[in-house]
Every structure is written in C-alpha cells, then in structure tokens.
Amino acid sequence: MTNKDEKIKSSIIKAAENLFQKYGINKTTMEDIAKESRKAKSTLYYYFKNKEEIFDAVLIKEMNEIFQIVKDAVSVEKDFEGKMRAYVITDLREIKKRVNLYSIVKSEIVYDEHFIKKFRESFDTRDVNFITEIIEYGVKNQELRPLTDDEIKTLSHIILIAFRSIELDLFIEHKFLNDDEKIDSLLNILYYGIKK
C-alpha cells in the first residue's frame, strides 16, 4: 500500500472515529463517513468492505495508541513495581478516556461477545509478551524470586486475564473508574505476593 493510500485510509478512519463518537455505529452511515472525510463513497468501498470494517480499523487504531502510551509510561520506570504500576494505571486511565469518548458505541456493542472476543484475542499475544518482558526485568534485577520460563509465561497470562477482567468491568459497568485504592491493593498483592 502506497503512502497516498495510507493517508486516504487514515483520513477515512479519523472521520469515522469522529462520527462514531458523536452518533454511534448504528446511526452513522457510509454516506456520513464519505461526507465527513470528503471522499466519494466509492473510495470508502475501495478501502473497506463496509462500515463494520471501518469501525474495526478505528478500534485497532485506538488499541494501538493505548499500547504505545502504556509502553512509553513503562519505559521510564526503573524497577519492576514501578513498571507494573505504570502498565496497569496507564492502561486503565487510557481505557477510561475512550469509554467516555465512545459512550454511545458502548451501548451498541457491550453485549456482543463475538466482537469482544475477537478484539481481545487479537491483542492478547502482544500484551502477554509485554508483561513477560516486565516480569523478566524484575527477575533479572533480583526484585523477584527466580522464575522458570514456564512460570513467567503462566504468570503473564494470569496477570493479563486479571487486568482484562478489570478492563471489561470498566467498559461495561464503569467499575474501578475512580477507585485508585482498589487498583493499588491489587498491585500490592501482585507485587508482594511474588517479591523475592
């Protein structure tokens, strides 16, 4: 795909993102997206099969942005505890922002298990690998007891499952929105439960 194609796709995604935030998926049409992006409807169909595929692209863009913000926050921390706190708190803070932006969309997709499963699975490997790097950093710096590769892999999956559950509660029921104490408690249990 050429640079020009990427720019066109990006402008379509940005226009759709604005419309989905204002009106939701159901009330936004391909015509609306074409008008907002100042592109012909045929151009939209050249790059995307339908509105749902555009929404998938918007969501992938959002998830990639969150991941980059989280990575940046983790990278400045110097110890395992700081890195884990940065991972969890930054991730939840960024999800909270998007929940507020997409409040209309949330009501349209919240109980679509296929939709939620598709996107969770597509990013799980990346997130498990990232958590694994954080744990390996803690082991290498002797902040955590020695762990085998299998133990690190298992622990990474457990941590991801725990935080995915919190994300889902945050997305569906607005739990943990302003409860830093619960998050700190969870992080303390994680950290002091496996600390050397």
Protein backbone atom coordinates (compact mmCIF):
# COMPACT_ATOMS: atom_id res chain seq x y z
CA MET A 1 0.00 0.00 0.00
CA THR A 2 1.40 3.38 -1.00
CA ASN A 3 1.86 6.39 1.24
CA LYS A 4 -1.06 8.04 -0.58
CA ASP A 5 -3.28 5.03 0.16
CA GLU A 6 -2.27 5.14 3.83
CA LYS A 7 -3.16 8.84 4.04
CA ILE A 8 -6.56 8.23 2.44
CA LYS A 9 -7.31 5.31 4.77
CA SER A 10 -6.18 7.37 7.75
CA SER A 11 -8.48 10.27 6.83
CA ILE A 12 -11.43 7.88 6.44
CA ILE A 13 -10.68 6.30 9.84
CA LYS A 14 -10.36 9.72 11.50
CA ALA A 15 -13.66 10.90 10.02
CA ALA A 16 -15.40 7.69 11.08
CA GLU A 17 -13.91 7.98 14.57
CA ASN A 18 -15.45 11.46 14.98
CA LEU A 19 -18.85 10.27 13.77
CA PHE A 20 -18.88 7.08 15.88
CA GLN A 21 -18.10 9.15 18.98
CA LYS A 22 -20.95 11.58 18.25
CA TYR A 23 -23.65 9.29 16.86
CA GLY A 24 -22.64 5.68 17.47
CA ILE A 25 -22.22 2.90 14.95
CA ASN A 26 -25.87 2.30 14.16
CA LYS A 27 -26.71 5.90 13.29
CA THR A 28 -23.54 6.51 11.26
CA THR A 29 -23.80 5.60 7.58
CA MET A 30 -21.21 5.14 4.85
CA GLU A 31 -22.62 8.31 3.31
CA ASP A 32 -21.93 10.19 6.55
CA ILE A 33 -18.35 8.92 6.62
CA ALA A 34 -17.83 9.83 2.95
CA LYS A 35 -19.11 13.35 3.59
CA GLU A 36 -17.06 13.80 6.79
CA SER A 37 -13.87 12.54 5.11
CA ARG A 38 -14.58 14.49 1.91
CA LYS A 39 -14.21 11.32 -0.13
CA ALA A 40 -16.50 9.67 -2.64
CA LYS A 41 -18.48 6.74 -1.30
CA SER A 42 -16.77 4.54 -3.91
CA THR A 43 -13.41 5.48 -2.34
CA LEU A 44 -14.62 4.17 1.02
CA TYR A 45 -15.62 0.88 -0.58
CA TYR A 46 -12.25 0.64 -2.31
CA TYR A 47 -10.52 0.55 1.08
CA PHE A 48 -13.21 -1.00 3.31
CA LYS A 49 -15.92 -3.61 2.70
CA ASN A 50 -18.45 -1.92 4.97
CA LYS A 51 -18.98 0.31 7.98
CA GLU A 52 -18.16 -2.52 10.40
CA GLU A 53 -14.73 -2.93 8.84
CA ILE A 54 -14.13 0.80 9.25
CA PHE A 55 -15.16 0.53 12.90
CA ASP A 56 -12.70 -2.37 13.33
CA ALA A 57 -9.97 -0.12 11.91
CA VAL A 58 -10.95 2.67 14.33
CA LEU A 59 -10.79 0.26 17.27
CA ILE A 60 -7.43 -1.16 16.18
CA LYS A 61 -6.08 2.40 15.91
CA GLU A 62 -7.34 3.19 19.43
CA MET A 63 -5.87 -0.02 20.89
CA ASN A 64 -2.51 0.61 19.23
CA GLU A 65 -2.46 4.15 20.60
CA ILE A 66 -3.22 2.88 24.12
CA PHE A 67 -0.47 0.27 23.84
CA GLN A 68 2.09 2.87 22.75
CA ILE A 69 1.14 5.23 25.60
CA VAL A 70 1.44 2.32 28.08
CA LYS A 71 4.83 1.27 26.64
CA ASP A 72 6.12 4.83 26.96
CA ALA A 73 4.94 5.06 30.59
CA VAL A 74 6.52 1.71 31.48
CA SER A 75 9.82 2.54 29.77
CA VAL A 76 10.61 5.45 32.12
CA GLU A 77 10.21 3.35 35.27
CA LYS A 78 13.36 1.83 36.76
CA ASP A 79 12.04 -1.13 38.78
CA PHE A 80 9.54 -3.96 38.45
CA GLU A 81 7.00 -2.45 40.84
CA GLY A 82 7.07 0.90 39.02
CA LYS A 83 6.76 -0.78 35.63
CA MET A 84 3.77 -2.90 36.70
CA ARG A 85 2.05 0.10 38.26
CA ALA A 86 2.67 2.15 35.13
CA TYR A 87 1.31 -0.68 32.98
CA VAL A 88 -1.93 -1.08 34.91
CA ILE A 89 -2.67 2.52 35.84
CA THR A 90 -1.84 3.93 32.40
CA ASP A 91 -3.84 1.23 30.62
CA LEU A 92 -6.92 1.78 32.81
CA ARG A 93 -6.63 5.58 32.56
CA GLU A 94 -6.49 5.43 28.75
CA ILE A 95 -9.39 2.98 28.57
CA LYS A 96 -11.41 5.25 30.85
CA LYS A 97 -10.83 8.15 28.42
CA ARG A 98 -12.04 6.08 25.50
CA VAL A 99 -15.05 4.72 27.40
CA ASN A 100 -16.13 8.33 27.92
CA LEU A 101 -15.49 9.20 24.26
CA TYR A 102 -17.37 6.17 22.97
CA SER A 103 -20.25 6.10 25.44
CA ILE A 104 -22.80 5.75 22.61
CA VAL A 105 -20.85 2.98 20.91
CA LYS A 106 -20.50 1.11 24.21
CA SER A 107 -24.24 0.59 24.47
CA GLU A 108 -24.29 -0.84 20.94
CA ILE A 109 -21.52 -3.44 21.36
CA VAL A 110 -21.29 -4.14 25.07
CA TYR A 111 -23.05 -7.50 24.98
CA ASP A 112 -21.66 -8.66 21.62
CA GLU A 113 -19.47 -11.49 22.92
CA HIS A 114 -18.13 -12.32 19.44
CA PHE A 115 -16.97 -8.72 18.99
CA ILE A 116 -15.28 -8.53 22.39
CA LYS A 117 -13.63 -11.96 21.97
CA LYS A 118 -12.30 -11.11 18.51
CA PHE A 119 -10.52 -7.99 19.70
CA ARG A 120 -9.28 -9.39 22.99
CA GLU A 121 -7.72 -12.37 21.25
CA SER A 122 -6.09 -10.26 18.56
CA PHE A 123 -4.10 -8.28 21.13
CA ASP A 124 -3.54 -10.90 23.84
CA THR A 125 -0.26 -12.23 22.43
CA ARG A 126 1.25 -8.76 22.23
CA ASP A 127 0.18 -7.91 25.79
CA VAL A 128 1.36 -11.24 27.24
CA ASN A 129 4.75 -10.69 25.62
CA PHE A 130 4.92 -7.19 27.09
CA ILE A 131 4.01 -8.38 30.60
CA THR A 132 6.59 -11.16 30.19
CA GLU A 133 9.26 -8.54 29.48
CA ILE A 134 8.31 -6.67 32.66
CA ILE A 135 8.49 -9.84 34.78
CA GLU A 136 11.80 -10.87 33.19
CA TYR A 137 13.14 -7.41 34.03
CA GLY A 138 12.13 -7.92 37.69
CA VAL A 139 13.77 -11.35 37.81
CA LYS A 140 16.96 -10.09 36.13
CA ASN A 141 17.23 -7.22 38.64
CA GLN A 142 16.63 -9.67 41.50
CA GLU A 143 13.47 -7.87 42.61
CA LEU A 144 11.53 -11.12 42.12
CA ARG A 145 12.49 -14.63 43.08
CA PRO A 146 13.98 -16.72 40.25
CA LEU A 147 11.22 -17.95 37.94
CA THR A 148 11.36 -20.56 35.19
CA ASP A 149 10.28 -19.65 31.67
CA ASP A 150 7.09 -21.67 32.19
CA GLU A 151 6.34 -19.85 35.46
CA ILE A 152 6.89 -16.47 33.78
CA LYS A 153 4.62 -17.44 30.89
CA THR A 154 1.90 -18.67 33.26
CA LEU A 155 2.18 -15.60 35.47
CA SER A 156 1.99 -13.30 32.42
CA HIS A 157 -1.24 -14.99 31.30
CA ILE A 158 -2.74 -14.77 34.81
CA ILE A 159 -1.90 -11.07 35.08
CA LEU A 160 -3.38 -10.39 31.64
CA ILE A 161 -6.59 -12.28 32.49
CA ALA A 162 -6.94 -10.32 35.75
CA PHE A 163 -6.46 -6.96 34.07
CA ARG A 164 -8.65 -7.87 31.08
CA SER A 165 -11.43 -8.61 33.58
CA ILE A 166 -10.93 -5.19 35.17
CA GLU A 167 -10.96 -3.57 31.71
CA LEU A 168 -14.23 -5.34 30.90
CA ASP A 169 -15.81 -4.21 34.17
CA LEU A 170 -14.61 -0.69 33.44
CA PHE A 171 -16.02 -0.81 29.91
CA ILE A 172 -19.35 -2.42 30.76
CA GLU A 173 -20.21 -1.27 34.26
CA HIS A 174 -17.86 1.68 34.92
CA LYS A 175 -16.34 -0.14 37.90
CA PHE A 176 -12.89 0.98 39.10
CA LEU A 177 -13.38 4.37 37.46
CA ASN A 178 -12.24 6.38 40.44
CA ASP A 179 -11.08 3.70 42.81
CA ASP A 180 -7.29 4.01 42.91
CA GLU A 181 -7.27 2.28 46.29
CA LYS A 182 -8.60 -0.97 44.79
CA ILE A 183 -6.06 -0.80 41.99
CA ASP A 184 -3.23 -0.16 44.46
CA SER A 185 -4.43 -3.06 46.59
CA LEU A 186 -4.45 -5.38 43.58
CA LEU A 187 -0.97 -4.26 42.56
CA ASN A 188 0.36 -4.69 46.10
CA ILE A 189 -0.98 -8.25 46.25
CA LEU A 190 0.66 -8.99 42.91
CA TYR A 191 3.97 -7.40 43.83
CA TYR A 192 4.39 -8.53 47.41
CA GLY A 193 3.00 -11.97 46.62
CA ILE A 194 5.87 -12.71 44.23
CA LYS A 195 8.59 -10.40 45.54
CA LYS A 196 11.88 -12.02 46.47
